[in-house]
Amino acid sequence: MEVPTRARLEQLTEALTAGCGAVEALPPQLRYAVTGVSAYLTAVEEGAPVTGHLRGNALALWETLRAAVDSPALPPPRTAPVGAAR
């Protein structure tokens, strides 16, 4: 299993958002996965105690992101209407 890193998360996010970086335009499950892995990585980077449960959740979310990037049926990101709340 690939270990989550900030650099790799950025690569996956770029692939999922077609280079625009608009995580808020992703489907809810993928937004949640990006946010969850990012929060986990922040905790690790800051030296916060990370439980096995938290690590397990982050790894499951990581696999969701990897599978989505590898999926030929990846839907294009939605575009938010101008002025829409984020």
N, C-alpha and C. Protein backbone atom coordinates (compact mmCIF):
# COMPACT_ATOMS: atom_id res chain seq x y z
N MET A 1 0.85 -1.17 0.00
CA MET A 1 0.00 0.00 0.00
C MET A 1 0.89 1.24 0.00
N GLU A 2 0.55 2.19 -0.83
CA GLU A 2 1.27 3.46 -0.90
C GLU A 2 1.00 4.28 0.37
N VAL A 3 2.04 4.87 0.92
CA VAL A 3 1.91 5.69 2.12
C VAL A 3 1.55 7.11 1.69
N PRO A 4 0.52 7.70 2.31
CA PRO A 4 0.13 9.06 1.95
C PRO A 4 1.23 10.07 2.25
N THR A 5 1.47 10.96 1.30
CA THR A 5 2.38 12.09 1.50
C THR A 5 1.68 13.34 0.98
N ARG A 6 2.12 14.47 1.45
CA ARG A 6 1.53 15.74 1.01
C ARG A 6 1.75 15.94 -0.49
N ALA A 7 2.96 15.64 -0.97
CA ALA A 7 3.26 15.82 -2.40
C ALA A 7 2.37 14.92 -3.26
N ARG A 8 2.20 13.69 -2.84
CA ARG A 8 1.37 12.75 -3.63
C ARG A 8 -0.10 13.16 -3.55
N LEU A 9 -0.55 13.67 -2.40
CA LEU A 9 -1.93 14.14 -2.28
C LEU A 9 -2.16 15.29 -3.27
N GLU A 10 -1.18 16.17 -3.38
CA GLU A 10 -1.30 17.28 -4.33
C GLU A 10 -1.39 16.76 -5.76
N GLN A 11 -0.61 15.72 -6.09
CA GLN A 11 -0.67 15.12 -7.43
C GLN A 11 -2.04 14.50 -7.69
N LEU A 12 -2.56 13.77 -6.72
CA LEU A 12 -3.88 13.15 -6.89
C LEU A 12 -4.96 14.22 -7.03
N THR A 13 -4.86 15.28 -6.23
CA THR A 13 -5.83 16.36 -6.30
C THR A 13 -5.79 17.04 -7.66
N GLU A 14 -4.58 17.26 -8.17
CA GLU A 14 -4.44 17.86 -9.50
C GLU A 14 -5.10 16.97 -10.56
N ALA A 15 -4.87 15.67 -10.46
CA ALA A 15 -5.46 14.75 -11.43
C ALA A 15 -6.99 14.74 -11.32
N LEU A 16 -7.50 14.74 -10.11
CA LEU A 16 -8.95 14.69 -9.91
C LEU A 16 -9.66 15.98 -10.33
N THR A 17 -8.97 17.10 -10.18
CA THR A 17 -9.59 18.39 -10.50
C THR A 17 -9.20 18.89 -11.89
N ALA A 18 -8.59 18.02 -12.67
CA ALA A 18 -8.16 18.37 -14.03
C ALA A 18 -7.25 19.60 -14.02
N GLY A 19 -6.42 19.70 -12.99
CA GLY A 19 -5.45 20.76 -12.90
C GLY A 19 -5.94 22.09 -12.36
N CYS A 20 -7.24 22.21 -12.09
CA CYS A 20 -7.76 23.50 -11.63
C CYS A 20 -7.67 23.65 -10.11
N GLY A 21 -7.47 22.54 -9.38
CA GLY A 21 -7.33 22.60 -7.93
C GLY A 21 -8.61 22.86 -7.17
N ALA A 22 -9.74 22.87 -7.85
CA ALA A 22 -11.03 23.18 -7.22
C ALA A 22 -11.62 21.95 -6.53
N VAL A 23 -11.12 21.67 -5.33
CA VAL A 23 -11.60 20.50 -4.57
C VAL A 23 -13.10 20.60 -4.33
N GLU A 24 -13.61 21.82 -4.10
CA GLU A 24 -15.04 21.99 -3.83
C GLU A 24 -15.91 21.58 -5.00
N ALA A 25 -15.33 21.44 -6.20
CA ALA A 25 -16.10 21.03 -7.37
C ALA A 25 -16.16 19.50 -7.53
N LEU A 26 -15.43 18.78 -6.70
CA LEU A 26 -15.43 17.32 -6.77
C LEU A 26 -16.71 16.76 -6.17
N PRO A 27 -17.06 15.51 -6.53
CA PRO A 27 -18.19 14.86 -5.87
C PRO A 27 -17.93 14.77 -4.37
N PRO A 28 -18.98 14.75 -3.55
CA PRO A 28 -18.83 14.78 -2.09
C PRO A 28 -17.87 13.74 -1.53
N GLN A 29 -17.91 12.51 -2.02
CA GLN A 29 -17.04 11.47 -1.47
C GLN A 29 -15.57 11.82 -1.70
N LEU A 30 -15.26 12.37 -2.86
CA LEU A 30 -13.87 12.71 -3.15
C LEU A 30 -13.43 13.95 -2.37
N ARG A 31 -14.32 14.92 -2.20
CA ARG A 31 -14.02 16.09 -1.37
C ARG A 31 -13.68 15.65 0.05
N TYR A 32 -14.52 14.75 0.57
CA TYR A 32 -14.32 14.23 1.92
C TYR A 32 -12.97 13.51 2.02
N ALA A 33 -12.63 12.72 1.01
CA ALA A 33 -11.38 11.97 1.03
C ALA A 33 -10.18 12.92 1.00
N VAL A 34 -10.21 13.93 0.14
CA VAL A 34 -9.10 14.89 0.08
C VAL A 34 -8.96 15.61 1.41
N THR A 35 -10.07 16.06 1.97
CA THR A 35 -10.05 16.78 3.24
C THR A 35 -9.56 15.89 4.38
N GLY A 36 -10.04 14.67 4.42
CA GLY A 36 -9.65 13.74 5.49
C GLY A 36 -8.18 13.38 5.44
N VAL A 37 -7.66 13.09 4.26
CA VAL A 37 -6.24 12.75 4.13
C VAL A 37 -5.39 13.97 4.46
N SER A 38 -5.81 15.14 4.01
CA SER A 38 -5.07 16.36 4.32
C SER A 38 -5.02 16.61 5.82
N ALA A 39 -6.14 16.41 6.51
CA ALA A 39 -6.17 16.59 7.97
C ALA A 39 -5.25 15.59 8.66
N TYR A 40 -5.26 14.36 8.20
CA TYR A 40 -4.38 13.34 8.77
C TYR A 40 -2.91 13.74 8.58
N LEU A 41 -2.56 14.16 7.36
CA LEU A 41 -1.18 14.55 7.08
C LEU A 41 -0.76 15.75 7.92
N THR A 42 -1.67 16.69 8.13
CA THR A 42 -1.38 17.85 8.97
C THR A 42 -1.09 17.40 10.40
N ALA A 43 -1.89 16.48 10.91
CA ALA A 43 -1.66 15.97 12.27
C ALA A 43 -0.29 15.31 12.37
N VAL A 44 0.05 14.52 11.38
CA VAL A 44 1.36 13.84 11.38
C VAL A 44 2.48 14.87 11.29
N GLU A 45 2.34 15.85 10.39
CA GLU A 45 3.37 16.88 10.21
C GLU A 45 3.57 17.72 11.47
N GLU A 46 2.51 17.93 12.22
CA GLU A 46 2.59 18.74 13.44
C GLU A 46 2.99 17.92 14.66
N GLY A 47 3.15 16.62 14.47
CA GLY A 47 3.56 15.76 15.57
C GLY A 47 2.45 15.41 16.54
N ALA A 48 1.21 15.63 16.13
CA ALA A 48 0.07 15.28 16.98
C ALA A 48 -0.03 13.77 17.11
N PRO A 49 -0.49 13.30 18.26
CA PRO A 49 -0.66 11.86 18.40
C PRO A 49 -1.73 11.35 17.43
N VAL A 50 -1.36 10.36 16.66
CA VAL A 50 -2.28 9.80 15.67
C VAL A 50 -2.56 8.36 16.06
N THR A 51 -3.83 8.07 16.30
CA THR A 51 -4.20 6.72 16.70
C THR A 51 -4.24 5.79 15.50
N GLY A 52 -4.22 4.52 15.77
CA GLY A 52 -4.34 3.52 14.71
C GLY A 52 -5.64 3.67 13.94
N HIS A 53 -6.70 4.05 14.65
CA HIS A 53 -8.00 4.23 14.03
C HIS A 53 -7.96 5.37 13.02
N LEU A 54 -7.34 6.48 13.41
CA LEU A 54 -7.24 7.63 12.52
C LEU A 54 -6.40 7.29 11.30
N ARG A 55 -5.31 6.58 11.52
CA ARG A 55 -4.44 6.17 10.41
C ARG A 55 -5.20 5.23 9.48
N GLY A 56 -5.96 4.31 10.05
CA GLY A 56 -6.73 3.38 9.23
C GLY A 56 -7.75 4.11 8.36
N ASN A 57 -8.41 5.10 8.95
CA ASN A 57 -9.38 5.89 8.18
C ASN A 57 -8.69 6.64 7.05
N ALA A 58 -7.55 7.25 7.35
CA ALA A 58 -6.81 8.00 6.33
C ALA A 58 -6.36 7.10 5.20
N LEU A 59 -5.91 5.89 5.53
CA LEU A 59 -5.49 4.96 4.48
C LEU A 59 -6.66 4.52 3.61
N ALA A 60 -7.82 4.34 4.21
CA ALA A 60 -9.01 3.98 3.43
C ALA A 60 -9.40 5.12 2.49
N LEU A 61 -9.35 6.35 2.99
CA LEU A 61 -9.65 7.51 2.14
C LEU A 61 -8.61 7.64 1.03
N TRP A 62 -7.37 7.36 1.36
CA TRP A 62 -6.28 7.41 0.38
C TRP A 62 -6.56 6.44 -0.77
N GLU A 63 -6.97 5.25 -0.43
CA GLU A 63 -7.28 4.25 -1.46
C GLU A 63 -8.47 4.70 -2.32
N THR A 64 -9.42 5.39 -1.73
CA THR A 64 -10.55 5.94 -2.49
C THR A 64 -10.04 6.93 -3.53
N LEU A 65 -9.12 7.80 -3.12
CA LEU A 65 -8.56 8.78 -4.05
C LEU A 65 -7.76 8.11 -5.17
N ARG A 66 -6.93 7.16 -4.80
CA ARG A 66 -6.14 6.46 -5.82
C ARG A 66 -7.03 5.72 -6.81
N ALA A 67 -8.06 5.08 -6.31
CA ALA A 67 -8.97 4.36 -7.20
C ALA A 67 -9.70 5.33 -8.13
N ALA A 68 -10.07 6.48 -7.63
CA ALA A 68 -10.77 7.47 -8.45
C ALA A 68 -9.86 7.98 -9.57
N VAL A 69 -8.61 8.22 -9.25
CA VAL A 69 -7.67 8.70 -10.26
C VAL A 69 -7.45 7.63 -11.33
N ASP A 70 -7.40 6.37 -10.92
CA ASP A 70 -7.18 5.27 -11.85
C ASP A 70 -8.43 4.88 -12.63
N SER A 71 -9.58 5.41 -12.25
CA SER A 71 -10.84 5.03 -12.88
C SER A 71 -11.00 5.71 -14.24
N PRO A 72 -11.32 4.91 -15.27
CA PRO A 72 -11.55 5.53 -16.58
C PRO A 72 -12.86 6.32 -16.62
N ALA A 73 -13.72 6.12 -15.62
CA ALA A 73 -15.02 6.78 -15.60
C ALA A 73 -15.03 8.00 -14.68
N LEU A 74 -13.85 8.56 -14.41
CA LEU A 74 -13.77 9.73 -13.54
C LEU A 74 -14.56 10.88 -14.14
N PRO A 75 -15.59 11.35 -13.41
CA PRO A 75 -16.38 12.46 -13.96
C PRO A 75 -15.58 13.76 -13.89
N PRO A 76 -15.81 14.66 -14.84
CA PRO A 76 -15.11 15.95 -14.77
C PRO A 76 -15.59 16.73 -13.56
N PRO A 77 -14.74 17.59 -12.99
CA PRO A 77 -15.18 18.40 -11.85
C PRO A 77 -16.35 19.30 -12.24
N ARG A 78 -17.27 19.49 -11.30
CA ARG A 78 -18.37 20.42 -11.53
C ARG A 78 -17.83 21.83 -11.43
N THR A 79 -18.43 22.74 -12.13
CA THR A 79 -18.03 24.14 -11.98
C THR A 79 -19.08 24.84 -11.15
N ALA A 80 -18.62 25.60 -10.18
CA ALA A 80 -19.55 26.34 -9.31
C ALA A 80 -19.99 27.59 -10.02
N PRO A 81 -21.25 27.95 -9.89
CA PRO A 81 -21.71 29.20 -10.49
C PRO A 81 -20.96 30.38 -9.91
N VAL A 82 -20.76 31.40 -10.70
CA VAL A 82 -20.07 32.60 -10.24
C VAL A 82 -20.79 33.17 -9.04
N GLY A 83 -20.06 33.49 -7.99
CA GLY A 83 -20.66 34.05 -6.79
C GLY A 83 -21.22 33.02 -5.83
N ALA A 84 -21.11 31.74 -6.16
CA ALA A 84 -21.65 30.69 -5.28
C ALA A 84 -20.78 30.58 -4.03
N ALA A 85 -21.42 30.25 -2.94
CA ALA A 85 -20.70 30.05 -1.66
C ALA A 85 -19.86 28.81 -1.77
N ARG A 86 -18.66 28.86 -1.15
CA ARG A 86 -17.76 27.69 -1.19
C ARG A 86 -17.66 27.06 0.14
